[in-house]
Amino acid sequence: MVTANLALFLALLLGSATAQTFEEQLSENYTVRWTPNYELERVYFEVVVRTKSYVGLGISPSGRMIGGDVVIGGVFSDGRIYFHVIAL
């Protein structure tokens, strides 16, 4: 299996600065961490996965796919990394 650390930078509208990082382990092979920076109006994401192919992360204001943003990334067999950002 290939282990990939994918740092995904997505901007969200927020309020004042913080340095607190949050973490959620969704499975033994998928952990997501996020750190909001309210001054810069950004949230920094790190997705740590163990996969043989690709990983995806989606964010939506409603929790539904329509209107959300999705990042899909992975590692080719030769070690090259790829990302696709999709607005739904």
Protein backbone atom coordinates (compact mmCIF):
# COMPACT_ATOMS: atom_id res chain seq x y z
CA MET A 1 0.00 0.00 0.00
CA VAL A 2 1.05 3.56 -0.65
CA THR A 3 0.83 6.06 2.21
CA ALA A 4 0.22 9.64 1.13
CA ASN A 5 0.08 12.85 3.16
CA LEU A 6 -2.06 15.23 1.15
CA ALA A 7 -2.22 18.81 2.43
CA LEU A 8 -5.30 20.44 0.95
CA PHE A 9 -5.75 24.18 1.29
CA LEU A 10 -9.34 25.35 0.98
CA ALA A 11 -10.63 28.81 1.89
CA LEU A 12 -13.75 29.20 4.05
CA LEU A 13 -15.30 32.36 5.49
CA LEU A 14 -14.56 32.52 9.22
CA GLY A 15 -13.98 35.14 12.00
CA SER A 16 -10.76 35.56 14.23
CA ALA A 17 -7.43 33.66 14.49
CA THR A 18 -6.84 30.30 16.17
CA ALA A 19 -3.99 27.79 16.23
CA GLN A 20 -6.06 24.81 17.38
CA THR A 21 -5.94 21.76 15.11
CA PHE A 22 -8.85 19.33 15.04
CA GLU A 23 -8.57 15.66 14.06
CA GLU A 24 -10.99 12.92 13.10
CA GLN A 25 -9.95 9.34 12.37
CA LEU A 26 -12.60 8.09 9.97
CA SER A 27 -11.08 4.60 9.72
CA GLU A 28 -7.75 2.96 10.53
CA ASN A 29 -6.64 4.06 7.03
CA TYR A 30 -8.12 7.60 6.84
CA THR A 31 -7.43 10.52 9.17
CA VAL A 32 -8.32 14.14 8.47
CA ARG A 33 -6.93 17.15 10.38
CA TRP A 34 -7.99 20.75 9.97
CA THR A 35 -6.75 24.04 11.39
CA PRO A 36 -8.86 27.17 10.95
CA ASN A 37 -7.14 30.53 10.63
CA TYR A 38 -9.88 33.07 11.21
CA GLU A 39 -7.74 36.13 10.43
CA LEU A 40 -6.85 34.82 6.97
CA GLU A 41 -10.33 33.31 6.47
CA ARG A 42 -8.82 29.91 5.62
CA VAL A 43 -8.95 26.35 6.85
CA TYR A 44 -5.90 24.17 6.28
CA PHE A 45 -6.61 20.47 5.77
CA GLU A 46 -4.30 17.49 6.02
CA VAL A 47 -5.56 14.09 4.94
CA VAL A 48 -3.46 11.07 5.91
CA VAL A 49 -4.45 7.88 4.12
CA ARG A 50 -3.22 4.41 3.34
CA THR A 51 -4.46 3.51 -0.11
CA LYS A 52 -3.55 1.61 -3.27
CA SER A 53 -5.19 4.14 -5.55
CA TYR A 54 -6.71 7.52 -4.62
CA VAL A 55 -8.30 9.56 -1.84
CA GLY A 56 -11.09 12.09 -1.90
CA LEU A 57 -12.23 14.86 0.44
CA GLY A 58 -15.45 16.79 -0.04
CA ILE A 59 -16.75 19.90 1.71
CA SER A 60 -20.24 21.28 1.38
CA PRO A 61 -22.19 23.96 3.25
CA SER A 62 -25.30 21.73 3.23
CA GLY A 63 -23.70 18.31 3.64
CA ARG A 64 -24.91 17.34 0.15
CA MET A 65 -22.76 16.86 -2.95
CA ILE A 66 -24.44 19.60 -5.03
CA GLY A 67 -22.87 22.94 -4.15
CA GLY A 68 -19.83 21.29 -2.57
CA ASP A 69 -16.17 21.17 -3.46
CA VAL A 70 -14.25 17.91 -3.87
CA VAL A 71 -10.51 17.26 -4.01
CA ILE A 72 -9.34 13.91 -5.37
CA GLY A 73 -5.68 13.01 -5.19
CA GLY A 74 -3.40 10.05 -5.33
CA VAL A 75 -0.01 8.65 -6.12
CA PHE A 76 0.88 7.01 -9.43
CA SER A 77 2.93 3.79 -9.37
CA ASP A 78 6.04 5.82 -10.27
CA GLY A 79 5.59 8.05 -7.21
CA ARG A 80 4.14 11.11 -8.94
CA ILE A 81 1.28 12.80 -7.08
CA TYR A 82 -1.87 14.16 -8.72
CA PHE A 83 -4.80 16.32 -7.56
CA HIS A 84 -8.13 17.27 -9.11
CA VAL A 85 -10.36 19.97 -7.61
CA ILE A 86 -14.01 19.79 -8.61
CA ALA A 87 -16.80 22.27 -7.81
CA LEU A 88 -20.15 20.49 -7.92
